[in-house]
Amino acid sequence: MDAARSEVARLVAAGSKRSEAVRQVAAATGVDRRELYRPE
């Protein structure tokens, strides 16, 4: 889970929209999108 959230943060820092980054990471990892939006 931490790795997936870190990947979202990396993509956003690289210029991706947060929603697109979350969608991409969720598809690649199988983690639920809603979980990626939640703070730790």
C-alpha atoms as a PDB file:
ATOM      1  CA  MET A   1       0.000   0.000   0.000  1.00  0.00           C
ATOM      2  CA  ASP A   2       2.780   2.438   0.892  1.00  0.00           C
ATOM      3  CA  ALA A   3       4.513   1.686  -2.388  1.00  0.00           C
ATOM      4  CA  ALA A   4       1.307   2.388  -4.320  1.00  0.00           C
ATOM      5  CA  ARG A   5       0.797   5.711  -2.528  1.00  0.00           C
ATOM      6  CA  SER A   6       4.433   6.613  -3.172  1.00  0.00           C
ATOM      7  CA  GLU A   7       3.960   5.883  -6.856  1.00  0.00           C
ATOM      8  CA  VAL A   8       0.893   8.160  -6.956  1.00  0.00           C
ATOM      9  CA  ALA A   9       2.936  10.917  -5.308  1.00  0.00           C
ATOM     10  CA  ARG A  10       5.755  10.407  -7.810  1.00  0.00           C
ATOM     11  CA  LEU A  11       3.396  10.641 -10.788  1.00  0.00           C
ATOM     12  CA  VAL A  12       1.741  13.782  -9.416  1.00  0.00           C
ATOM     13  CA  ALA A  13       5.155  15.366  -8.833  1.00  0.00           C
ATOM     14  CA  ALA A  14       6.007  14.550 -12.445  1.00  0.00           C
ATOM     15  CA  GLY A  15       2.957  16.507 -13.629  1.00  0.00           C
ATOM     16  CA  SER A  16       0.123  13.988 -13.792  1.00  0.00           C
ATOM     17  CA  LYS A  17      -3.324  14.837 -12.492  1.00  0.00           C
ATOM     18  CA  ARG A  18      -3.956  13.119  -9.155  1.00  0.00           C
ATOM     19  CA  SER A  19      -7.060  11.354 -10.481  1.00  0.00           C
ATOM     20  CA  GLU A  20      -5.152   9.978 -13.461  1.00  0.00           C
ATOM     21  CA  ALA A  21      -2.221   8.905 -11.291  1.00  0.00           C
ATOM     22  CA  VAL A  22      -4.556   7.110  -8.879  1.00  0.00           C
ATOM     23  CA  ARG A  23      -6.367   5.377 -11.734  1.00  0.00           C
ATOM     24  CA  GLN A  24      -3.087   4.247 -13.299  1.00  0.00           C
ATOM     25  CA  VAL A  25      -1.597   2.923 -10.047  1.00  0.00           C
ATOM     26  CA  ALA A  26      -4.846   1.195  -9.080  1.00  0.00           C
ATOM     27  CA  ALA A  27      -4.938  -0.605 -12.423  1.00  0.00           C
ATOM     28  CA  ALA A  28      -1.296  -1.673 -12.149  1.00  0.00           C
ATOM     29  CA  THR A  29      -1.395  -2.822  -8.527  1.00  0.00           C
ATOM     30  CA  GLY A  30      -4.975  -3.919  -7.923  1.00  0.00           C
ATOM     31  CA  VAL A  31      -5.268  -1.524  -4.956  1.00  0.00           C
ATOM     32  CA  ASP A  32      -8.691   0.089  -4.686  1.00  0.00           C
ATOM     33  CA  ARG A  33      -8.699   3.675  -5.953  1.00  0.00           C
ATOM     34  CA  ARG A  34     -10.458   4.916  -2.816  1.00  0.00           C
ATOM     35  CA  GLU A  35      -7.656   3.501  -0.675  1.00  0.00           C
ATOM     36  CA  LEU A  36      -5.103   5.510  -2.647  1.00  0.00           C
ATOM     37  CA  TYR A  37      -6.926   8.758  -1.884  1.00  0.00           C
ATOM     38  CA  ARG A  38      -7.019   8.127   1.874  1.00  0.00           C
ATOM     39  CA  PRO A  39      -4.339   9.719   4.027  1.00  0.00           C
ATOM     40  CA  GLU A  40      -2.171   7.250   5.913  1.00  0.00           C
END
